[in-house]
Amino acid sequence: MKNSSLIIVITLVLFMILESLFPLRSRRENNLKRFLTNVFTSIIALPFTRLLIYPGVIFLSAFVAKSNWGLLNILKLNGPINFIVGFVLLDYIIYWWHYANHKVFFFWRFHQVHHADKDMDASTALRFHFGELFLSGLVRICLILILGFNLETLLTFDLCVTVIAIFHHSNLKLPLWFEGHLNKIIVTPLFHQNHHSYFQHETDSNYSTIFSFWDRIHKSHTKKIPSEKVTIGLPFFEGEKINFLGLMKMPFLKLKTWPKEFIRRK
């Protein structure tokens, strides 16, 4: 989509301003160092998505549309219905992909880079290892061939995912009444904070990305916890100063396990 990068930058800046004015949690680390680490991590990942994956996505989307491949093309849904079904289906698939990133050790090696952030704010939405994004891109290419997503749906969904991720990773405190209504439909900061908790039971919950009801449907939702009782990060990295190079190497080092006292909140 045209101007998608500009929309993402504006969204990031907006929520960084809002979360500084209305913080949900107290910070644990130097904000500037964290921000630069998260931004550099995102920059390193750009070539893997823009140069390796996106050309394949564009080519295959045109190919399946022309060849009438994939479930959505076989069903011959009209334009708006095709878009809505494709968009919701993509969000449901990403729920399961997120679940797999926590349950399959090989995927978790890369995904832990995102969770190793000791604070959660708008910049955390950028903090994904290039290996995870590359794997995610390969999965997307397979889905295009099987389900026949069109390019407009894919690009719109990508933009919405990024914007919503910046929002629900932000350290923004919303009025509780508004948050309570909103998180029945989409993922909000208070809904998503459990997913970045020190406790494994909570980290392995609330997998939804855009629509929050997938977790309620599949009973992977955990109850709301007061923000002052939530510690963000992974306990097995506590005390370690992890810089940018450390994040890049993290998936290739010995995998650490959760301490017993942090399996479940007592």
Foldseek 3Di string as FASTA:
>chain_A
DPCLVVVLVVLLVVLVVQCVVAFQEDDDDDPVQLLVLLVVQLVVLVCLCPVPQVVLVQVLLVVCCVVLAAALSVVVDDDVVSLVVLLVVVQLVQLVVLLCCLVPLLSVLFVLQLLQPQAFALSSLSRGHSVNVNVVSVVVSVNCRHHVRHPVSVVVSVSVLSSQSSALRHRHDDPPVVVVVVLQFFHHVQQCLQLQFQAQLSVSAQSGRTGRCVRVVVVRGDDGDRNHPGGGRYVVCPPPDQGNVNSNCRSVDDDDDHDPCRHDDD
